Amino acid sequence: MGLSARIDAAVKGAIASGQSGRPPQKLASALEYAVTPGGARIRPTILMSVAMACGDDQPALSDAAAAALELIHCASLVHDDMPCFDNADMRRGKLSVHRAYGEALALLTGDSLIVLAFERLAHGASVDPMRAASLVLTLARRTGMPGGICAGQGWESEAKIDLSAYHQAKTGALFVAATQMGAIAAGQDPEPWEELGARIGEAFQVADDLRDALYDEVTLGKPAGQDELLGRPNAVAELGVQGATKRLKDILGGAIASIPSCPGEAALANMVRAQAERLTPVAPTHQRS
């Protein structure tokens, strides 16, 4: 099974478990709606790639970790799109969950995905209790306070924003989770993998700032120009388009150099290069005037 198919199967299995028994049908439907189509699945791809580079001796645990990470990411998108935050109508080229199902079900969908993510990791205890516990702790730290994606969202409510802390939490946290959880799932020390995740997360943030500034809603599949509209700090406003593009390339070069020594180091470097090509904005088909 290829990597993408493996990730999709893991996510589908997690959603199916949340739809089992006699659930409320609208909420069950919203769970699947929130995770499909899957987009790039970049975070679980990084997680699985690290696990495979480290030997992937417990693939069931890697699958559970990849699914859990993607569910947390999708939950954050559901909540971010709601009227209390971005009030976005579109996500991944279709109506956002709150537009398709209403605000109440969107809130419950995001909450349910978060709980389901940790449930998947808890089941991993039957494979390896110590690794499963470490996966739960790592994902929890990168999801909540003080440095997870919840903290990242919280910075947007502050009168004065610590830009570095904001970006590390809002965007970088789940990329650090990806590299560290991949190592943990394969029985390796997660600490040497933090720098790689942090660098990829920083690159993703800069790339996202560039796309938000350059592309329109048709190209993005979600509202464009949100950073400028909402007054958010971003790399383009700080460095300009050319400066932000150079910064992106520098970060990605550093990411490859930071890969820890492991059996699959060369393959992992190729994965980072492939993700770099995916991240780097190109001239859009539809560019905003």
C-alpha atoms as a PDB file:
ATOM      1  CA  MET A   1       0.000   0.000   0.000  1.00  0.00           C
ATOM      2  CA  GLY A   2       1.374   3.413  -0.967  1.00  0.00           C
ATOM      3  CA  LEU A   3       1.892   6.123   1.621  1.00  0.00           C
ATOM      4  CA  SER A   4      -1.104   8.232   0.568  1.00  0.00           C
ATOM      5  CA  ALA A   5      -3.399   5.206   0.489  1.00  0.00           C
ATOM      6  CA  ARG A   6      -2.137   4.130   3.899  1.00  0.00           C
ATOM      7  CA  ILE A   7      -2.854   7.551   5.397  1.00  0.00           C
ATOM      8  CA  ASP A   8      -6.302   7.720   3.795  1.00  0.00           C
ATOM      9  CA  ALA A   9      -7.145   4.256   5.122  1.00  0.00           C
ATOM     10  CA  ALA A  10      -6.054   5.256   8.629  1.00  0.00           C
ATOM     11  CA  VAL A  11      -8.153   8.439   8.575  1.00  0.00           C
ATOM     12  CA  LYS A  12     -11.185   6.640   7.120  1.00  0.00           C
ATOM     13  CA  GLY A  13     -10.884   3.957   9.792  1.00  0.00           C
ATOM     14  CA  ALA A  14     -10.873   6.596  12.513  1.00  0.00           C
ATOM     15  CA  ILE A  15     -13.935   8.336  11.088  1.00  0.00           C
ATOM     16  CA  ALA A  16     -15.760   5.020  10.683  1.00  0.00           C
ATOM     17  CA  SER A  17     -15.253   4.309  14.377  1.00  0.00           C
ATOM     18  CA  GLY A  18     -16.861   7.670  15.170  1.00  0.00           C
ATOM     19  CA  GLN A  19     -19.857   6.776  13.000  1.00  0.00           C
ATOM     20  CA  SER A  20     -20.423   3.310  14.445  1.00  0.00           C
ATOM     21  CA  GLY A  21     -23.360   2.219  16.553  1.00  0.00           C
ATOM     22  CA  ARG A  22     -26.374   4.543  16.590  1.00  0.00           C
ATOM     23  CA  PRO A  23     -24.913   8.074  16.237  1.00  0.00           C
ATOM     24  CA  PRO A  24     -26.802  11.260  15.374  1.00  0.00           C
ATOM     25  CA  GLN A  25     -26.715  11.150  11.596  1.00  0.00           C
ATOM     26  CA  LYS A  26     -26.006  14.832  10.882  1.00  0.00           C
ATOM     27  CA  LEU A  27     -23.001  14.879  13.182  1.00  0.00           C
ATOM     28  CA  ALA A  28     -21.780  11.558  11.788  1.00  0.00           C
ATOM     29  CA  SER A  29     -22.024  12.996   8.292  1.00  0.00           C
ATOM     30  CA  ALA A  30     -20.234  16.182   9.331  1.00  0.00           C
ATOM     31  CA  LEU A  31     -17.268  14.177  10.649  1.00  0.00           C
ATOM     32  CA  GLU A  32     -16.631  12.717   7.212  1.00  0.00           C
ATOM     33  CA  TYR A  33     -17.336  16.039   5.495  1.00  0.00           C
ATOM     34  CA  ALA A  34     -14.690  17.750   7.642  1.00  0.00           C
ATOM     35  CA  VAL A  35     -11.864  15.414   6.609  1.00  0.00           C
ATOM     36  CA  THR A  36     -12.697  14.987   2.906  1.00  0.00           C
ATOM     37  CA  PRO A  37     -11.318  15.789   0.448  1.00  0.00           C
ATOM     38  CA  GLY A  38      -8.051  15.259   2.250  1.00  0.00           C
ATOM     39  CA  GLY A  39      -5.934  18.024   0.753  1.00  0.00           C
ATOM     40  CA  ALA A  40      -2.198  17.414   0.787  1.00  0.00           C
ATOM     41  CA  ARG A  41      -2.237  15.506   4.117  1.00  0.00           C
ATOM     42  CA  ILE A  42       1.199  17.022   4.599  1.00  0.00           C
ATOM     43  CA  ARG A  43       1.389  16.519   8.374  1.00  0.00           C
ATOM     44  CA  PRO A  44       0.612  12.773   8.416  1.00  0.00           C
ATOM     45  CA  THR A  45       2.868  12.366   5.364  1.00  0.00           C
ATOM     46  CA  ILE A  46       5.760  13.863   7.308  1.00  0.00           C
ATOM     47  CA  LEU A  47       4.916  11.712  10.340  1.00  0.00           C
ATOM     48  CA  MET A  48       4.807   8.504   8.316  1.00  0.00           C
ATOM     49  CA  SER A  49       7.967   9.426   6.404  1.00  0.00           C
ATOM     50  CA  VAL A  50       9.872   9.929   9.651  1.00  0.00           C
ATOM     51  CA  ALA A  51       8.538   6.651  11.057  1.00  0.00           C
ATOM     52  CA  MET A  52       9.584   4.818   7.908  1.00  0.00           C
ATOM     53  CA  ALA A  53      13.019   6.462   7.953  1.00  0.00           C
ATOM     54  CA  CYS A  54      13.419   5.194  11.530  1.00  0.00           C
ATOM     55  CA  GLY A  55      12.360   1.615  10.686  1.00  0.00           C
ATOM     56  CA  ASP A  56       8.551   1.703  11.190  1.00  0.00           C
ATOM     57  CA  ASP A  57       8.662  -1.464  13.307  1.00  0.00           C
ATOM     58  CA  GLN A  58       5.091  -0.932  14.603  1.00  0.00           C
ATOM     59  CA  PRO A  59       3.095   0.187  11.530  1.00  0.00           C
ATOM     60  CA  ALA A  60      -0.241  -0.029  13.365  1.00  0.00           C
ATOM     61  CA  LEU A  61       1.022   2.562  15.823  1.00  0.00           C
ATOM     62  CA  SER A  62       2.292   4.794  13.009  1.00  0.00           C
ATOM     63  CA  ASP A  63      -1.105   4.549  11.324  1.00  0.00           C
ATOM     64  CA  ALA A  64      -2.886   5.542  14.534  1.00  0.00           C
ATOM     65  CA  ALA A  65      -0.510   8.470  15.058  1.00  0.00           C
ATOM     66  CA  ALA A  66      -0.952   9.708  11.476  1.00  0.00           C
ATOM     67  CA  ALA A  67      -4.742   9.521  11.718  1.00  0.00           C
ATOM     68  CA  ALA A  68      -4.772  11.284  15.093  1.00  0.00           C
ATOM     69  CA  LEU A  69      -2.596  14.117  13.836  1.00  0.00           C
ATOM     70  CA  GLU A  70      -4.741  14.658  10.749  1.00  0.00           C
ATOM     71  CA  LEU A  71      -7.939  14.652  12.830  1.00  0.00           C
ATOM     72  CA  ILE A  72      -6.514  17.359  15.087  1.00  0.00           C
ATOM     73  CA  HIS A  73      -5.540  19.428  12.050  1.00  0.00           C
ATOM     74  CA  CYS A  74      -9.004  19.053  10.504  1.00  0.00           C
ATOM     75  CA  ALA A  75     -10.640  19.955  13.811  1.00  0.00           C
ATOM     76  CA  SER A  76      -8.590  23.144  13.916  1.00  0.00           C
ATOM     77  CA  LEU A  77      -9.778  24.057  10.409  1.00  0.00           C
ATOM     78  CA  VAL A  78     -13.417  23.525  11.369  1.00  0.00           C
ATOM     79  CA  HIS A  79     -13.049  25.784  14.398  1.00  0.00           C
ATOM     80  CA  ASP A  80     -10.906  28.393  12.598  1.00  0.00           C
ATOM     81  CA  ASP A  81     -13.571  28.827   9.914  1.00  0.00           C
ATOM     82  CA  MET A  82     -16.364  29.571  12.385  1.00  0.00           C
ATOM     83  CA  PRO A  83     -17.858  33.080  12.718  1.00  0.00           C
ATOM     84  CA  CYS A  84     -16.145  33.667  16.063  1.00  0.00           C
ATOM     85  CA  PHE A  85     -12.764  33.403  14.309  1.00  0.00           C
ATOM     86  CA  ASP A  86     -12.314  33.741  10.528  1.00  0.00           C
ATOM     87  CA  ASN A  87     -15.990  33.474   9.484  1.00  0.00           C
ATOM     88  CA  ALA A  88     -14.867  31.671   6.312  1.00  0.00           C
ATOM     89  CA  ASP A  89     -17.434  30.420   3.813  1.00  0.00           C
ATOM     90  CA  MET A  90     -15.114  28.056   1.920  1.00  0.00           C
ATOM     91  CA  ARG A  91     -12.553  25.404   2.793  1.00  0.00           C
ATOM     92  CA  ARG A  92     -10.773  23.108   0.337  1.00  0.00           C
ATOM     93  CA  GLY A  93     -13.014  24.267  -2.476  1.00  0.00           C
ATOM     94  CA  LYS A  94     -16.345  23.569  -0.760  1.00  0.00           C
ATOM     95  CA  LEU A  95     -18.537  25.108   1.918  1.00  0.00           C
ATOM     96  CA  SER A  96     -16.931  25.251   5.347  1.00  0.00           C
ATOM     97  CA  VAL A  97     -18.519  22.963   7.928  1.00  0.00           C
ATOM     98  CA  HIS A  98     -20.431  25.721   9.705  1.00  0.00           C
ATOM     99  CA  ARG A  99     -21.885  26.871   6.369  1.00  0.00           C
ATOM    100  CA  ALA A 100     -22.853  23.352   5.367  1.00  0.00           C
ATOM    101  CA  TYR A 101     -24.153  22.116   8.741  1.00  0.00           C
ATOM    102  CA  GLY A 102     -24.621  25.174  10.969  1.00  0.00           C
ATOM    103  CA  GLU A 103     -22.552  26.577  13.810  1.00  0.00           C
ATOM    104  CA  ALA A 104     -23.724  24.158  16.509  1.00  0.00           C
ATOM    105  CA  LEU A 105     -22.803  21.065  14.509  1.00  0.00           C
ATOM    106  CA  ALA A 106     -19.516  22.642  13.403  1.00  0.00           C
ATOM    107  CA  LEU A 107     -18.519  23.164  17.021  1.00  0.00           C
ATOM    108  CA  LEU A 108     -19.470  19.574  17.875  1.00  0.00           C
ATOM    109  CA  THR A 109     -17.657  18.290  14.789  1.00  0.00           C
ATOM    110  CA  GLY A 110     -14.391  19.944  15.774  1.00  0.00           C
ATOM    111  CA  ASP A 111     -14.734  18.742  19.362  1.00  0.00           C
ATOM    112  CA  SER A 112     -15.563  15.196  18.248  1.00  0.00           C
ATOM    113  CA  LEU A 113     -12.550  15.048  15.935  1.00  0.00           C
ATOM    114  CA  ILE A 114     -10.246  16.087  18.780  1.00  0.00           C
ATOM    115  CA  VAL A 115     -11.625  13.404  21.099  1.00  0.00           C
ATOM    116  CA  LEU A 116     -11.511  10.815  18.323  1.00  0.00           C
ATOM    117  CA  ALA A 117      -7.839  11.623  17.698  1.00  0.00           C
ATOM    118  CA  PHE A 118      -6.873  10.809  21.266  1.00  0.00           C
ATOM    119  CA  GLU A 119      -9.083   7.723  21.228  1.00  0.00           C
ATOM    120  CA  ARG A 120      -7.055   6.378  18.272  1.00  0.00           C
ATOM    121  CA  LEU A 121      -3.826   6.884  20.200  1.00  0.00           C
ATOM    122  CA  ALA A 122      -5.294   5.235  23.293  1.00  0.00           C
ATOM    123  CA  HIS A 123      -6.042   2.131  21.237  1.00  0.00           C
ATOM    124  CA  GLY A 124      -2.350   2.102  20.357  1.00  0.00           C
ATOM    125  CA  ALA A 125      -1.603   1.093  23.932  1.00  0.00           C
ATOM    126  CA  SER A 126      -2.440  -2.470  22.976  1.00  0.00           C
ATOM    127  CA  VAL A 127       0.544  -2.375  20.604  1.00  0.00           C
ATOM    128  CA  ASP A 128       3.057  -0.565  22.824  1.00  0.00           C
ATOM    129  CA  PRO A 129       1.839   1.182  26.010  1.00  0.00           C
ATOM    130  CA  MET A 130       4.925   3.368  26.498  1.00  0.00           C
ATOM    131  CA  ARG A 131       5.015   4.611  22.910  1.00  0.00           C
ATOM    132  CA  ALA A 132       1.259   5.235  22.936  1.00  0.00           C
ATOM    133  CA  ALA A 133       1.510   7.277  26.142  1.00  0.00           C
ATOM    134  CA  SER A 134       4.349   9.332  24.662  1.00  0.00           C
ATOM    135  CA  LEU A 135       2.306   9.938  21.503  1.00  0.00           C
ATOM    136  CA  VAL A 136      -0.657  11.159  23.564  1.00  0.00           C
ATOM    137  CA  LEU A 137       1.547  13.519  25.571  1.00  0.00           C
ATOM    138  CA  THR A 138       3.277  14.908  22.487  1.00  0.00           C
ATOM    139  CA  LEU A 139       0.053  15.537  20.590  1.00  0.00           C
ATOM    140  CA  ALA A 140      -1.587  17.091  23.653  1.00  0.00           C
ATOM    141  CA  ARG A 141       1.301  19.521  24.126  1.00  0.00           C
ATOM    142  CA  ARG A 142       1.161  20.567  20.472  1.00  0.00           C
ATOM    143  CA  THR A 143      -2.628  20.973  20.549  1.00  0.00           C
ATOM    144  CA  GLY A 144      -3.418  22.869  23.747  1.00  0.00           C
ATOM    145  CA  MET A 145      -1.807  25.450  26.002  1.00  0.00           C
ATOM    146  CA  PRO A 146       0.716  26.943  26.431  1.00  0.00           C
ATOM    147  CA  GLY A 147       2.384  26.274  23.081  1.00  0.00           C
ATOM    148  CA  GLY A 148      -0.037  24.320  20.906  1.00  0.00           C
ATOM    149  CA  ILE A 149      -2.431  25.370  18.180  1.00  0.00           C
ATOM    150  CA  CYS A 150      -4.999  26.568  20.733  1.00  0.00           C
ATOM    151  CA  ALA A 151      -2.384  29.017  22.004  1.00  0.00           C
ATOM    152  CA  GLY A 152      -1.738  30.044  18.418  1.00  0.00           C
ATOM    153  CA  GLN A 153      -5.383  30.921  17.956  1.00  0.00           C
ATOM    154  CA  GLY A 154      -5.367  32.681  21.312  1.00  0.00           C
ATOM    155  CA  TRP A 155      -2.590  35.041  20.232  1.00  0.00           C
ATOM    156  CA  GLU A 156      -5.001  36.574  17.722  1.00  0.00           C
ATOM    157  CA  SER A 157      -7.050  37.925  20.639  1.00  0.00           C
ATOM    158  CA  GLU A 158      -4.076  39.716  22.228  1.00  0.00           C
ATOM    159  CA  ALA A 159      -3.534  43.466  21.848  1.00  0.00           C
ATOM    160  CA  LYS A 160       0.191  42.853  21.242  1.00  0.00           C
ATOM    161  CA  ILE A 161       1.311  39.708  19.406  1.00  0.00           C
ATOM    162  CA  ASP A 162       4.616  37.921  19.963  1.00  0.00           C
ATOM    163  CA  LEU A 163       5.128  37.046  16.284  1.00  0.00           C
ATOM    164  CA  SER A 164       7.587  34.232  16.908  1.00  0.00           C
ATOM    165  CA  ALA A 165       5.447  32.583  19.588  1.00  0.00           C
ATOM    166  CA  TYR A 166       2.350  33.076  17.435  1.00  0.00           C
ATOM    167  CA  HIS A 167       3.811  31.339  14.402  1.00  0.00           C
ATOM    168  CA  GLN A 168       5.432  28.561  16.437  1.00  0.00           C
ATOM    169  CA  ALA A 169       2.113  27.747  18.074  1.00  0.00           C
ATOM    170  CA  LYS A 170      -0.407  28.349  15.304  1.00  0.00           C
ATOM    171  CA  THR A 171       1.522  26.708  12.473  1.00  0.00           C
ATOM    172  CA  GLY A 172       4.700  25.128  13.774  1.00  0.00           C
ATOM    173  CA  ALA A 173       3.226  23.074  16.599  1.00  0.00           C
ATOM    174  CA  LEU A 174       1.625  20.348  14.487  1.00  0.00           C
ATOM    175  CA  PHE A 175       4.701  20.058  12.262  1.00  0.00           C
ATOM    176  CA  VAL A 176       6.865  19.464  15.328  1.00  0.00           C
ATOM    177  CA  ALA A 177       4.234  16.947  16.425  1.00  0.00           C
ATOM    178  CA  ALA A 178       4.547  15.255  13.021  1.00  0.00           C
ATOM    179  CA  THR A 179       8.300  14.719  13.171  1.00  0.00           C
ATOM    180  CA  GLN A 180       8.382  13.809  16.857  1.00  0.00           C
ATOM    181  CA  MET A 181       5.378  11.467  16.697  1.00  0.00           C
ATOM    182  CA  GLY A 182       6.893   9.702  13.693  1.00  0.00           C
ATOM    183  CA  ALA A 183      10.044   9.061  15.691  1.00  0.00           C
ATOM    184  CA  ILE A 184       8.096   7.942  18.770  1.00  0.00           C
ATOM    185  CA  ALA A 185       5.943   5.527  16.760  1.00  0.00           C
ATOM    186  CA  ALA A 186       9.136   3.873  15.520  1.00  0.00           C
ATOM    187  CA  GLY A 187      10.655   3.686  18.997  1.00  0.00           C
ATOM    188  CA  GLN A 188      13.129   6.566  18.637  1.00  0.00           C
ATOM    189  CA  ASP A 189      13.961   9.564  20.821  1.00  0.00           C
ATOM    190  CA  PRO A 190      11.738  12.467  19.675  1.00  0.00           C
ATOM    191  CA  GLU A 191      13.990  15.323  20.819  1.00  0.00           C
ATOM    192  CA  PRO A 192      16.431  15.311  17.852  1.00  0.00           C
ATOM    193  CA  TRP A 193      13.435  15.621  15.524  1.00  0.00           C
ATOM    194  CA  GLU A 194      12.080  18.876  16.945  1.00  0.00           C
ATOM    195  CA  GLU A 195      14.254  21.153  14.786  1.00  0.00           C
ATOM    196  CA  LEU A 196      13.150  19.523  11.541  1.00  0.00           C
ATOM    197  CA  GLY A 197       9.484  19.941  12.459  1.00  0.00           C
ATOM    198  CA  ALA A 198      10.008  23.531  13.544  1.00  0.00           C
ATOM    199  CA  ARG A 199      11.770  24.429  10.296  1.00  0.00           C
ATOM    200  CA  ILE A 200       9.117  22.788   8.127  1.00  0.00           C
ATOM    201  CA  GLY A 201       6.441  24.577  10.126  1.00  0.00           C
ATOM    202  CA  GLU A 202       8.163  27.915   9.664  1.00  0.00           C
ATOM    203  CA  ALA A 203       8.466  27.276   5.936  1.00  0.00           C
ATOM    204  CA  PHE A 204       4.799  26.354   5.729  1.00  0.00           C
ATOM    205  CA  GLN A 205       3.815  29.600   7.470  1.00  0.00           C
ATOM    206  CA  VAL A 206       5.860  31.737   5.081  1.00  0.00           C
ATOM    207  CA  ALA A 207       4.477  29.838   2.088  1.00  0.00           C
ATOM    208  CA  ASP A 208       0.940  30.281   3.409  1.00  0.00           C
ATOM    209  CA  ASP A 209       1.542  34.024   3.818  1.00  0.00           C
ATOM    210  CA  LEU A 210       2.727  34.208   0.209  1.00  0.00           C
ATOM    211  CA  ARG A 211      -0.266  32.289  -1.118  1.00  0.00           C
ATOM    212  CA  ASP A 212      -2.665  34.438   0.901  1.00  0.00           C
ATOM    213  CA  ALA A 213      -1.132  37.582  -0.583  1.00  0.00           C
ATOM    214  CA  LEU A 214      -0.804  36.373  -4.180  1.00  0.00           C
ATOM    215  CA  TYR A 215      -3.705  34.027  -4.880  1.00  0.00           C
ATOM    216  CA  ASP A 216      -7.454  34.433  -5.154  1.00  0.00           C
ATOM    217  CA  GLU A 217     -10.219  32.338  -3.610  1.00  0.00           C
ATOM    218  CA  VAL A 218     -10.543  30.126  -6.695  1.00  0.00           C
ATOM    219  CA  THR A 219      -6.881  29.130  -6.534  1.00  0.00           C
ATOM    220  CA  LEU A 220      -6.757  28.720  -2.750  1.00  0.00           C
ATOM    221  CA  GLY A 221     -10.086  26.954  -2.288  1.00  0.00           C
ATOM    222  CA  LYS A 222     -10.686  29.246   0.712  1.00  0.00           C
ATOM    223  CA  PRO A 223     -10.963  33.010   1.300  1.00  0.00           C
ATOM    224  CA  ALA A 224      -7.920  34.969   0.097  1.00  0.00           C
ATOM    225  CA  GLY A 225      -6.343  38.111   1.514  1.00  0.00           C
ATOM    226  CA  GLN A 226      -7.324  37.190   5.070  1.00  0.00           C
ATOM    227  CA  ASP A 227      -4.035  38.322   6.625  1.00  0.00           C
ATOM    228  CA  GLU A 228      -4.448  41.850   5.288  1.00  0.00           C
ATOM    229  CA  LEU A 229      -8.191  41.925   6.000  1.00  0.00           C
ATOM    230  CA  LEU A 230      -7.834  40.763   9.601  1.00  0.00           C
ATOM    231  CA  GLY A 231      -4.627  42.683  10.268  1.00  0.00           C
ATOM    232  CA  ARG A 232      -2.578  39.588  11.035  1.00  0.00           C
ATOM    233  CA  PRO A 233       1.212  39.694  11.166  1.00  0.00           C
ATOM    234  CA  ASN A 234       2.711  37.918   8.157  1.00  0.00           C
ATOM    235  CA  ALA A 235       5.961  37.455   6.255  1.00  0.00           C
ATOM    236  CA  VAL A 236       4.835  39.334   3.138  1.00  0.00           C
ATOM    237  CA  ALA A 237       3.899  42.448   5.096  1.00  0.00           C
ATOM    238  CA  GLU A 238       7.244  42.280   6.915  1.00  0.00           C
ATOM    239  CA  LEU A 239       9.591  41.276   4.063  1.00  0.00           C
ATOM    240  CA  GLY A 240       7.708  41.844   0.812  1.00  0.00           C
ATOM    241  CA  VAL A 241       7.057  39.107  -1.756  1.00  0.00           C
ATOM    242  CA  GLN A 242      10.682  38.739  -2.883  1.00  0.00           C
ATOM    243  CA  GLY A 243      12.020  38.803   0.657  1.00  0.00           C
ATOM    244  CA  ALA A 244       9.474  36.251   1.838  1.00  0.00           C
ATOM    245  CA  THR A 245      10.282  33.977  -1.115  1.00  0.00           C
ATOM    246  CA  LYS A 246      13.997  34.097  -0.287  1.00  0.00           C
ATOM    247  CA  ARG A 247      13.223  33.441   3.354  1.00  0.00           C
ATOM    248  CA  LEU A 248      11.188  30.366   2.370  1.00  0.00           C
ATOM    249  CA  LYS A 249      14.068  28.904   0.355  1.00  0.00           C
ATOM    250  CA  ASP A 250      16.536  29.514   3.191  1.00  0.00           C
ATOM    251  CA  ILE A 251      14.288  27.795   5.721  1.00  0.00           C
ATOM    252  CA  LEU A 252      13.768  24.743   3.510  1.00  0.00           C
ATOM    253  CA  GLY A 253      17.505  24.407   2.966  1.00  0.00           C
ATOM    254  CA  GLY A 254      18.000  24.438   6.720  1.00  0.00           C
ATOM    255  CA  ALA A 255      15.259  21.854   7.180  1.00  0.00           C
ATOM    256  CA  ILE A 256      17.066  19.319   4.985  1.00  0.00           C
ATOM    257  CA  ALA A 257      20.343  19.980   6.807  1.00  0.00           C
ATOM    258  CA  SER A 258      18.649  19.386  10.183  1.00  0.00           C
ATOM    259  CA  ILE A 259      17.473  15.817   9.461  1.00  0.00           C
ATOM    260  CA  PRO A 260      18.892  13.541  12.181  1.00  0.00           C
ATOM    261  CA  SER A 261      20.988  10.546  11.196  1.00  0.00           C
ATOM    262  CA  CYS A 262      18.721   7.552  10.556  1.00  0.00           C
ATOM    263  CA  PRO A 263      18.522   4.526   8.221  1.00  0.00           C
ATOM    264  CA  GLY A 264      16.157   6.317   5.831  1.00  0.00           C
ATOM    265  CA  GLU A 265      17.872   9.711   5.916  1.00  0.00           C
ATOM    266  CA  ALA A 266      18.269  10.002   2.120  1.00  0.00           C
ATOM    267  CA  ALA A 267      14.631   9.076   1.439  1.00  0.00           C
ATOM    268  CA  LEU A 268      13.477  11.533   4.081  1.00  0.00           C
ATOM    269  CA  ALA A 269      15.536  14.309   2.499  1.00  0.00           C
ATOM    270  CA  ASN A 270      13.828  13.560  -0.808  1.00  0.00           C
ATOM    271  CA  MET A 271      10.443  13.804   0.895  1.00  0.00           C
ATOM    272  CA  VAL A 272      11.335  17.230   2.329  1.00  0.00           C
ATOM    273  CA  ARG A 273      12.469  18.384  -1.128  1.00  0.00           C
ATOM    274  CA  ALA A 274       9.181  17.173  -2.619  1.00  0.00           C
ATOM    275  CA  GLN A 275       7.214  19.021   0.044  1.00  0.00           C
ATOM    276  CA  ALA A 276       9.344  22.106  -0.631  1.00  0.00           C
ATOM    277  CA  GLU A 277       8.283  22.048  -4.267  1.00  0.00           C
ATOM    278  CA  ARG A 278       4.668  21.670  -3.173  1.00  0.00           C
ATOM    279  CA  LEU A 279       4.958  24.548  -0.708  1.00  0.00           C
ATOM    280  CA  THR A 280       6.694  27.064  -2.942  1.00  0.00           C
ATOM    281  CA  PRO A 281       4.084  29.311  -4.578  1.00  0.00           C
ATOM    282  CA  VAL A 282       4.129  29.496  -8.370  1.00  0.00           C
ATOM    283  CA  ALA A 283       2.391  31.922 -10.687  1.00  0.00           C
ATOM    284  CA  PRO A 284      -1.303  31.188  -9.981  1.00  0.00           C
ATOM    285  CA  THR A 285      -3.848  30.425 -12.655  1.00  0.00           C
ATOM    286  CA  HIS A 286      -6.103  33.065 -11.058  1.00  0.00           C
ATOM    287  CA  GLN A 287      -4.193  35.909  -9.406  1.00  0.00           C
ATOM    288  CA  ARG A 288      -5.850  38.630  -7.391  1.00  0.00           C
ATOM    289  CA  SER A 289      -5.535  42.139  -8.704  1.00  0.00           C
END
